[in-house]
Amino acid sequence: TPSREGDVDLREQVFFSVPAEMRDRLYVRVYDPEVFGASDFALGGTGNSRTAFRLFGGTGAFSAAERPVILIGGCNWSATGQAALQAFAEASDIPVVAGFRYQDQFDNLSPVYAGEAGVGMPPNVRRLLEEADVVLAVNLRFGEMTTGAYEIFEVPVPRQAIIHVHGS
């Protein structure tokens, strides 16, 4: 049955392309007000809707980075999502840093796990984030702990290219 928006499978897909010669930062904000919102229930739902994001880059989109880092956080990870992220990080040999209090979201015994960005951030973790040229931040909000009291990333224009994927 179609939803009130008309989509049969209750999914929305957005595609956009970025010219290869573009060198400026690109900001994309996606907001899904339906996740666990009142409309979930008003439309006969059970309150279990999810927002899922997939980011696909063309040749060299992420692989051209010399010092990439993945910064993860958040809850509600599925086992499939955790396994996929770990497989990608390990196959790409990209260090993974967990946000404050989210170190259980990634296998700490993985060879690419670098530690936690939190209270008393280890110097090696701080250095990884400071020296990264690309930071893929997944399911994480940038707060005081993950940014080293807002000193690791220069605001409003960080040195690092930041790809931020979050469900809100």
N, C-alpha and C. Protein backbone atom coordinates (compact mmCIF):
# COMPACT_ATOMS: atom_id res chain seq x y z
N THR A 1 0.85 -1.18 0.00
CA THR A 1 0.00 0.00 0.00
C THR A 1 0.89 1.24 0.00
N PRO A 2 0.62 2.17 -0.87
CA PRO A 2 1.43 3.40 -0.89
C PRO A 2 1.24 4.20 0.39
N SER A 3 2.29 4.87 0.80
CA SER A 3 2.19 5.78 1.94
C SER A 3 1.53 7.06 1.46
N ARG A 4 1.33 8.00 2.37
CA ARG A 4 0.71 9.26 1.96
C ARG A 4 1.60 10.02 0.98
N GLU A 5 2.92 9.72 0.98
CA GLU A 5 3.82 10.36 0.04
C GLU A 5 3.79 9.66 -1.32
N GLY A 6 3.20 8.47 -1.38
CA GLY A 6 3.06 7.78 -2.65
C GLY A 6 4.10 6.71 -2.91
N ASP A 7 5.07 6.55 -2.05
CA ASP A 7 6.08 5.52 -2.32
C ASP A 7 5.61 4.21 -1.72
N VAL A 8 5.64 3.17 -2.53
CA VAL A 8 5.10 1.88 -2.14
C VAL A 8 5.95 1.21 -1.07
N ASP A 9 7.27 1.30 -1.20
CA ASP A 9 8.13 0.58 -0.26
C ASP A 9 8.61 1.45 0.89
N LEU A 10 8.07 2.66 1.01
CA LEU A 10 8.41 3.58 2.09
C LEU A 10 9.90 3.95 2.08
N ARG A 11 10.51 3.96 0.90
CA ARG A 11 11.92 4.31 0.79
C ARG A 11 12.06 5.51 -0.13
N GLU A 12 12.99 6.33 0.20
CA GLU A 12 13.32 7.47 -0.64
C GLU A 12 14.78 7.32 -1.03
N GLN A 13 15.10 7.55 -2.28
CA GLN A 13 16.48 7.50 -2.73
C GLN A 13 16.83 8.83 -3.35
N VAL A 14 17.97 9.32 -2.99
CA VAL A 14 18.44 10.58 -3.53
C VAL A 14 19.80 10.33 -4.16
N PHE A 15 19.96 10.75 -5.39
CA PHE A 15 21.23 10.59 -6.09
C PHE A 15 21.72 11.97 -6.50
N PHE A 16 22.97 12.20 -6.37
CA PHE A 16 23.55 13.43 -6.89
C PHE A 16 24.98 13.14 -7.29
N SER A 17 25.46 13.91 -8.22
CA SER A 17 26.84 13.71 -8.65
C SER A 17 27.60 15.01 -8.44
N VAL A 18 28.86 14.85 -8.19
CA VAL A 18 29.74 15.98 -7.96
C VAL A 18 30.79 15.96 -9.07
N PRO A 19 30.96 17.07 -9.77
CA PRO A 19 31.96 17.09 -10.83
C PRO A 19 33.35 16.73 -10.30
N ALA A 20 34.10 15.96 -11.06
CA ALA A 20 35.42 15.50 -10.63
C ALA A 20 36.36 16.67 -10.36
N GLU A 21 36.19 17.77 -11.07
CA GLU A 21 37.10 18.91 -10.89
C GLU A 21 36.75 19.76 -9.66
N MET A 22 35.64 19.48 -9.00
CA MET A 22 35.26 20.27 -7.82
C MET A 22 36.22 20.00 -6.68
N ARG A 23 36.80 21.02 -6.13
CA ARG A 23 37.78 20.86 -5.05
C ARG A 23 37.30 21.52 -3.75
N ASP A 24 36.17 22.22 -3.80
CA ASP A 24 35.63 22.83 -2.59
C ASP A 24 34.93 21.77 -1.75
N ARG A 25 34.69 22.09 -0.52
CA ARG A 25 33.96 21.18 0.36
C ARG A 25 32.49 21.16 -0.06
N LEU A 26 31.88 20.01 0.11
CA LEU A 26 30.48 19.84 -0.21
C LEU A 26 29.77 19.42 1.07
N TYR A 27 28.72 20.10 1.40
CA TYR A 27 27.95 19.79 2.60
C TYR A 27 26.58 19.29 2.17
N VAL A 28 26.19 18.13 2.66
CA VAL A 28 24.88 17.58 2.38
C VAL A 28 24.25 17.26 3.72
N ARG A 29 23.08 17.79 3.97
CA ARG A 29 22.38 17.49 5.21
C ARG A 29 21.09 16.77 4.87
N VAL A 30 20.89 15.62 5.49
CA VAL A 30 19.69 14.82 5.27
C VAL A 30 18.95 14.76 6.58
N TYR A 31 17.68 15.07 6.54
CA TYR A 31 16.87 15.06 7.75
C TYR A 31 15.66 14.17 7.51
N ASP A 32 15.44 13.24 8.38
CA ASP A 32 14.29 12.36 8.27
C ASP A 32 13.44 12.50 9.52
N PRO A 33 12.40 13.31 9.44
CA PRO A 33 11.57 13.55 10.63
C PRO A 33 10.71 12.35 11.01
N GLU A 34 10.66 11.34 10.18
CA GLU A 34 9.76 10.22 10.46
C GLU A 34 10.36 9.16 11.38
N VAL A 35 11.64 9.19 11.63
CA VAL A 35 12.26 8.15 12.44
C VAL A 35 11.77 8.26 13.88
N PHE A 36 11.02 7.28 14.28
CA PHE A 36 10.43 7.21 15.62
C PHE A 36 9.59 8.43 15.95
N GLY A 37 9.10 9.11 14.92
CA GLY A 37 8.28 10.29 15.14
C GLY A 37 6.81 9.93 15.27
N ALA A 38 6.01 10.95 15.51
CA ALA A 38 4.57 10.76 15.69
C ALA A 38 3.94 10.17 14.42
N SER A 39 4.47 10.51 13.27
CA SER A 39 3.89 10.00 12.02
C SER A 39 4.08 8.51 11.87
N ASP A 40 5.10 7.94 12.51
CA ASP A 40 5.27 6.50 12.48
C ASP A 40 4.00 5.82 12.98
N PHE A 41 3.47 6.34 14.04
CA PHE A 41 2.29 5.75 14.65
C PHE A 41 1.01 6.20 13.95
N ALA A 42 0.97 7.46 13.51
CA ALA A 42 -0.22 7.99 12.85
C ALA A 42 -0.51 7.25 11.55
N LEU A 43 0.52 6.78 10.87
CA LEU A 43 0.34 6.06 9.61
C LEU A 43 0.18 4.57 9.84
N GLY A 44 -0.04 4.18 11.08
CA GLY A 44 -0.27 2.76 11.37
C GLY A 44 0.99 1.98 11.61
N GLY A 45 2.11 2.66 11.71
CA GLY A 45 3.38 1.98 11.93
C GLY A 45 3.54 1.56 13.38
N THR A 46 4.63 0.87 13.64
CA THR A 46 4.91 0.37 14.98
C THR A 46 6.02 1.15 15.66
N GLY A 47 6.48 2.21 15.05
CA GLY A 47 7.55 3.00 15.66
C GLY A 47 8.91 2.41 15.41
N ASN A 48 9.03 1.52 14.44
CA ASN A 48 10.31 0.87 14.20
C ASN A 48 10.96 1.28 12.88
N SER A 49 10.61 2.46 12.38
CA SER A 49 11.23 2.88 11.12
C SER A 49 12.69 3.18 11.35
N ARG A 50 13.45 3.15 10.27
CA ARG A 50 14.89 3.39 10.36
C ARG A 50 15.30 4.30 9.22
N THR A 51 16.35 5.00 9.45
CA THR A 51 16.95 5.78 8.38
C THR A 51 18.29 5.12 8.08
N ALA A 52 18.51 4.81 6.84
CA ALA A 52 19.76 4.18 6.43
C ALA A 52 20.41 5.05 5.36
N PHE A 53 21.70 5.20 5.46
CA PHE A 53 22.43 6.00 4.50
C PHE A 53 23.51 5.16 3.86
N ARG A 54 23.69 5.34 2.59
CA ARG A 54 24.80 4.70 1.89
C ARG A 54 25.47 5.78 1.07
N LEU A 55 26.75 5.82 1.14
CA LEU A 55 27.52 6.82 0.42
C LEU A 55 28.44 6.08 -0.54
N PHE A 56 28.27 6.36 -1.81
CA PHE A 56 29.09 5.71 -2.82
C PHE A 56 29.90 6.79 -3.52
N GLY A 57 31.17 6.61 -3.60
CA GLY A 57 32.02 7.58 -4.28
C GLY A 57 32.55 7.00 -5.57
N GLY A 58 32.87 7.87 -6.46
CA GLY A 58 33.47 7.45 -7.73
C GLY A 58 34.92 7.09 -7.51
N THR A 59 35.61 6.84 -8.57
CA THR A 59 37.02 6.48 -8.51
C THR A 59 37.80 7.55 -7.76
N GLY A 60 38.49 7.14 -6.73
CA GLY A 60 39.32 8.07 -5.98
C GLY A 60 38.59 8.91 -4.95
N ALA A 61 37.29 8.72 -4.78
CA ALA A 61 36.53 9.57 -3.86
C ALA A 61 37.07 9.48 -2.43
N PHE A 62 37.36 8.29 -1.98
CA PHE A 62 37.91 8.11 -0.64
C PHE A 62 39.29 7.48 -0.73
N SER A 63 39.53 6.76 -1.80
CA SER A 63 40.80 6.04 -1.93
C SER A 63 41.98 6.97 -2.20
N ALA A 64 41.71 8.19 -2.63
CA ALA A 64 42.80 9.14 -2.89
C ALA A 64 43.36 9.73 -1.60
N ALA A 65 42.69 9.50 -0.49
CA ALA A 65 43.16 10.03 0.79
C ALA A 65 44.48 9.35 1.17
N GLU A 66 45.39 10.14 1.71
CA GLU A 66 46.68 9.59 2.14
C GLU A 66 46.65 9.15 3.60
N ARG A 67 45.85 9.83 4.41
CA ARG A 67 45.77 9.52 5.84
C ARG A 67 44.31 9.54 6.31
N PRO A 68 43.48 8.63 5.78
CA PRO A 68 42.07 8.61 6.20
C PRO A 68 41.91 7.99 7.58
N VAL A 69 40.85 8.39 8.24
CA VAL A 69 40.48 7.83 9.55
C VAL A 69 38.96 7.68 9.56
N ILE A 70 38.49 6.61 10.15
CA ILE A 70 37.06 6.43 10.35
C ILE A 70 36.79 6.68 11.83
N LEU A 71 35.85 7.54 12.11
CA LEU A 71 35.46 7.89 13.48
C LEU A 71 34.02 7.43 13.65
N ILE A 72 33.80 6.46 14.54
CA ILE A 72 32.46 5.89 14.67
C ILE A 72 31.89 6.15 16.06
N GLY A 73 30.58 6.06 16.13
CA GLY A 73 29.90 6.23 17.41
C GLY A 73 28.47 5.77 17.29
N GLY A 74 27.69 6.20 18.24
CA GLY A 74 26.26 5.94 18.20
C GLY A 74 25.88 4.53 18.59
N CYS A 75 24.60 4.38 18.82
CA CYS A 75 24.07 3.06 19.15
C CYS A 75 23.19 2.61 17.98
N ASN A 76 22.45 1.57 18.18
CA ASN A 76 21.55 1.02 17.17
C ASN A 76 22.27 0.48 15.94
N TRP A 77 23.50 0.05 16.09
CA TRP A 77 24.20 -0.61 14.99
C TRP A 77 23.66 -2.03 14.88
N SER A 78 23.44 -2.47 13.68
CA SER A 78 23.09 -3.88 13.47
C SER A 78 24.40 -4.66 13.36
N ALA A 79 24.32 -5.94 13.60
CA ALA A 79 25.51 -6.79 13.47
C ALA A 79 26.01 -6.75 12.03
N THR A 80 25.10 -6.67 11.08
CA THR A 80 25.48 -6.60 9.66
C THR A 80 26.23 -5.30 9.38
N GLY A 81 25.73 -4.19 9.93
CA GLY A 81 26.38 -2.90 9.73
C GLY A 81 27.77 -2.86 10.34
N GLN A 82 27.89 -3.40 11.54
CA GLN A 82 29.20 -3.44 12.20
C GLN A 82 30.18 -4.29 11.40
N ALA A 83 29.72 -5.44 10.93
CA ALA A 83 30.59 -6.33 10.16
C ALA A 83 31.01 -5.68 8.83
N ALA A 84 30.08 -4.99 8.19
CA ALA A 84 30.39 -4.35 6.91
C ALA A 84 31.41 -3.23 7.10
N LEU A 85 31.24 -2.42 8.14
CA LEU A 85 32.19 -1.35 8.40
C LEU A 85 33.57 -1.91 8.74
N GLN A 86 33.60 -2.95 9.55
CA GLN A 86 34.88 -3.55 9.92
C GLN A 86 35.56 -4.16 8.69
N ALA A 87 34.80 -4.84 7.85
CA ALA A 87 35.37 -5.44 6.64
C ALA A 87 35.94 -4.35 5.72
N PHE A 88 35.21 -3.25 5.57
CA PHE A 88 35.69 -2.15 4.73
C PHE A 88 36.97 -1.55 5.31
N ALA A 89 36.97 -1.28 6.62
CA ALA A 89 38.13 -0.66 7.25
C ALA A 89 39.36 -1.57 7.16
N GLU A 90 39.17 -2.86 7.41
CA GLU A 90 40.29 -3.79 7.36
C GLU A 90 40.80 -3.99 5.93
N ALA A 91 39.89 -4.10 4.97
CA ALA A 91 40.31 -4.29 3.58
C ALA A 91 41.03 -3.05 3.05
N SER A 92 40.65 -1.89 3.57
CA SER A 92 41.24 -0.63 3.12
C SER A 92 42.40 -0.19 4.00
N ASP A 93 42.63 -0.91 5.10
CA ASP A 93 43.67 -0.57 6.07
C ASP A 93 43.51 0.86 6.58
N ILE A 94 42.29 1.19 6.98
CA ILE A 94 41.98 2.53 7.50
C ILE A 94 41.78 2.42 9.01
N PRO A 95 42.51 3.21 9.80
CA PRO A 95 42.32 3.16 11.24
C PRO A 95 40.93 3.61 11.65
N VAL A 96 40.40 2.97 12.68
CA VAL A 96 39.07 3.28 13.20
C VAL A 96 39.21 3.76 14.63
N VAL A 97 38.64 4.93 14.89
CA VAL A 97 38.63 5.51 16.23
C VAL A 97 37.18 5.54 16.69
N ALA A 98 36.93 5.06 17.89
CA ALA A 98 35.58 5.08 18.44
C ALA A 98 35.37 6.37 19.21
N GLY A 99 34.18 6.92 19.10
CA GLY A 99 33.83 8.11 19.87
C GLY A 99 33.68 7.77 21.33
N PHE A 100 33.64 8.79 22.15
CA PHE A 100 33.51 8.65 23.60
C PHE A 100 32.35 7.73 23.96
N ARG A 101 32.63 6.69 24.72
CA ARG A 101 31.68 5.70 25.20
C ARG A 101 31.09 4.80 24.12
N TYR A 102 31.72 4.75 22.95
CA TYR A 102 31.22 3.88 21.88
C TYR A 102 32.25 2.87 21.42
N GLN A 103 33.25 2.59 22.25
CA GLN A 103 34.29 1.64 21.86
C GLN A 103 33.74 0.23 21.69
N ASP A 104 32.56 -0.05 22.23
CA ASP A 104 31.99 -1.39 22.07
C ASP A 104 31.29 -1.56 20.72
N GLN A 105 31.25 -0.52 19.91
CA GLN A 105 30.60 -0.61 18.61
C GLN A 105 31.55 -1.13 17.52
N PHE A 106 32.81 -1.34 17.87
CA PHE A 106 33.78 -1.86 16.90
C PHE A 106 34.69 -2.85 17.62
N ASP A 107 35.07 -3.91 16.95
CA ASP A 107 35.90 -4.95 17.54
C ASP A 107 37.26 -4.37 17.95
N ASN A 108 37.49 -4.29 19.24
CA ASN A 108 38.74 -3.72 19.75
C ASN A 108 39.96 -4.57 19.42
N LEU A 109 39.75 -5.80 19.00
CA LEU A 109 40.87 -6.68 18.64
C LEU A 109 41.19 -6.61 17.14
N SER A 110 40.42 -5.83 16.40
CA SER A 110 40.69 -5.65 14.98
C SER A 110 42.03 -4.95 14.80
N PRO A 111 42.79 -5.33 13.79
CA PRO A 111 44.10 -4.68 13.57
C PRO A 111 43.99 -3.20 13.21
N VAL A 112 42.80 -2.73 12.81
CA VAL A 112 42.65 -1.32 12.45
C VAL A 112 42.05 -0.48 13.57
N TYR A 113 41.65 -1.12 14.67
CA TYR A 113 41.09 -0.35 15.79
C TYR A 113 42.20 0.45 16.45
N ALA A 114 42.02 1.77 16.54
CA ALA A 114 43.09 2.64 17.04
C ALA A 114 42.84 3.17 18.44
N GLY A 115 41.62 3.05 18.95
CA GLY A 115 41.34 3.53 20.30
C GLY A 115 40.12 4.42 20.35
N GLU A 116 39.95 5.06 21.51
CA GLU A 116 38.76 5.87 21.77
C GLU A 116 39.11 7.34 21.86
N ALA A 117 38.28 8.15 21.22
CA ALA A 117 38.40 9.60 21.33
C ALA A 117 37.49 10.03 22.48
N GLY A 118 38.07 10.17 23.64
CA GLY A 118 37.25 10.49 24.80
C GLY A 118 38.06 11.18 25.87
N VAL A 119 37.64 11.04 27.10
CA VAL A 119 38.33 11.65 28.23
C VAL A 119 39.75 11.09 28.29
N GLY A 120 40.72 11.97 28.41
CA GLY A 120 42.11 11.52 28.45
C GLY A 120 42.52 10.84 27.15
N MET A 121 42.12 11.42 26.02
CA MET A 121 42.39 10.83 24.71
C MET A 121 43.86 10.47 24.57
N PRO A 122 44.16 9.22 24.22
CA PRO A 122 45.56 8.83 24.05
C PRO A 122 46.23 9.67 22.96
N PRO A 123 47.50 10.00 23.14
CA PRO A 123 48.20 10.84 22.15
C PRO A 123 48.17 10.29 20.73
N ASN A 124 48.25 8.95 20.60
CA ASN A 124 48.23 8.37 19.24
C ASN A 124 46.87 8.58 18.56
N VAL A 125 45.78 8.55 19.32
CA VAL A 125 44.45 8.77 18.75
C VAL A 125 44.31 10.24 18.34
N ARG A 126 44.74 11.12 19.20
CA ARG A 126 44.67 12.55 18.89
C ARG A 126 45.50 12.87 17.63
N ARG A 127 46.67 12.30 17.56
CA ARG A 127 47.55 12.53 16.41
C ARG A 127 46.91 12.01 15.11
N LEU A 128 46.30 10.83 15.19
CA LEU A 128 45.61 10.27 14.01
C LEU A 128 44.55 11.24 13.49
N LEU A 129 43.75 11.79 14.39
CA LEU A 129 42.69 12.70 13.98
C LEU A 129 43.24 14.04 13.48
N GLU A 130 44.27 14.53 14.15
CA GLU A 130 44.86 15.81 13.74
C GLU A 130 45.54 15.72 12.38
N GLU A 131 46.19 14.59 12.12
CA GLU A 131 46.97 14.45 10.90
C GLU A 131 46.19 13.83 9.74
N ALA A 132 44.95 13.44 10.00
CA ALA A 132 44.14 12.85 8.94
C ALA A 132 43.86 13.88 7.86
N ASP A 133 43.78 13.40 6.61
CA ASP A 133 43.35 14.31 5.55
C ASP A 133 41.87 14.13 5.25
N VAL A 134 41.32 12.95 5.59
CA VAL A 134 39.89 12.70 5.46
C VAL A 134 39.41 11.97 6.70
N VAL A 135 38.32 12.44 7.27
CA VAL A 135 37.70 11.77 8.42
C VAL A 135 36.29 11.37 8.00
N LEU A 136 36.03 10.07 8.01
CA LEU A 136 34.69 9.55 7.76
C LEU A 136 34.06 9.34 9.12
N ALA A 137 33.14 10.21 9.49
CA ALA A 137 32.47 10.13 10.80
C ALA A 137 31.10 9.50 10.59
N VAL A 138 30.89 8.34 11.21
CA VAL A 138 29.66 7.59 11.00
C VAL A 138 28.90 7.46 12.32
N ASN A 139 27.64 7.92 12.30
CA ASN A 139 26.73 7.75 13.44
C ASN A 139 27.28 8.40 14.71
N LEU A 140 27.83 9.58 14.54
CA LEU A 140 28.51 10.25 15.64
C LEU A 140 28.24 11.75 15.57
N ARG A 141 28.05 12.33 16.71
CA ARG A 141 27.95 13.80 16.78
C ARG A 141 29.30 14.31 17.27
N PHE A 142 29.74 15.41 16.69
CA PHE A 142 31.01 15.99 17.11
C PHE A 142 30.77 16.78 18.40
N GLY A 143 31.36 16.30 19.48
CA GLY A 143 31.20 16.96 20.76
C GLY A 143 32.56 17.25 21.37
N GLU A 144 32.54 17.70 22.59
CA GLU A 144 33.77 18.09 23.27
C GLU A 144 34.77 16.94 23.37
N MET A 145 34.28 15.74 23.65
CA MET A 145 35.18 14.61 23.83
C MET A 145 35.82 14.17 22.52
N THR A 146 35.02 14.02 21.47
CA THR A 146 35.54 13.50 20.21
C THR A 146 36.38 14.52 19.44
N THR A 147 36.34 15.77 19.87
CA THR A 147 37.11 16.81 19.16
C THR A 147 38.25 17.35 20.01
N GLY A 148 38.55 16.69 21.12
CA GLY A 148 39.63 17.17 21.98
C GLY A 148 39.36 18.58 22.45
N ALA A 149 38.19 18.79 23.04
CA ALA A 149 37.75 20.12 23.52
C ALA A 149 37.72 21.12 22.36
N TYR A 150 37.26 20.64 21.21
CA TYR A 150 37.08 21.45 20.00
C TYR A 150 38.40 22.00 19.45
N GLU A 151 39.51 21.30 19.70
CA GLU A 151 40.80 21.76 19.22
C GLU A 151 41.35 20.94 18.05
N ILE A 152 40.87 19.73 17.86
CA ILE A 152 41.42 18.87 16.81
C ILE A 152 41.01 19.35 15.43
N PHE A 153 39.77 19.75 15.28
CA PHE A 153 39.24 20.20 13.99
C PHE A 153 39.08 21.72 14.04
N GLU A 154 39.70 22.40 13.11
CA GLU A 154 39.58 23.85 13.07
C GLU A 154 38.17 24.23 12.61
N VAL A 155 37.53 25.07 13.38
CA VAL A 155 36.17 25.49 13.09
C VAL A 155 36.20 26.94 12.65
N PRO A 156 35.49 27.34 11.62
CA PRO A 156 34.45 26.60 10.90
C PRO A 156 34.96 25.82 9.69
N VAL A 157 36.23 25.93 9.35
CA VAL A 157 36.75 25.22 8.18
C VAL A 157 37.91 24.32 8.63
N PRO A 158 37.61 23.05 8.86
CA PRO A 158 38.66 22.13 9.32
C PRO A 158 39.70 21.86 8.24
N ARG A 159 40.90 21.51 8.68
CA ARG A 159 41.97 21.12 7.75
C ARG A 159 41.60 19.83 7.04
N GLN A 160 40.95 18.94 7.77
CA GLN A 160 40.58 17.64 7.25
C GLN A 160 39.29 17.76 6.42
N ALA A 161 39.20 16.97 5.38
CA ALA A 161 37.90 16.81 4.71
C ALA A 161 37.08 15.91 5.62
N ILE A 162 35.87 16.31 5.92
CA ILE A 162 35.04 15.53 6.82
C ILE A 162 33.81 15.04 6.07
N ILE A 163 33.63 13.72 6.08
CA ILE A 163 32.43 13.10 5.54
C ILE A 163 31.63 12.65 6.77
N HIS A 164 30.52 13.30 7.01
CA HIS A 164 29.74 13.06 8.23
C HIS A 164 28.42 12.41 7.85
N VAL A 165 28.21 11.20 8.34
CA VAL A 165 26.98 10.47 8.06
C VAL A 165 26.30 10.20 9.39
N HIS A 166 25.10 10.76 9.56
CA HIS A 166 24.38 10.59 10.81
C HIS A 166 22.89 10.53 10.51
N GLY A 167 22.18 9.76 11.27
CA GLY A 167 20.76 9.55 11.02
C GLY A 167 19.84 10.64 11.54
N SER A 168 20.33 11.78 11.90
CA SER A 168 19.43 12.83 12.37
C SER A 168 19.70 14.14 11.65
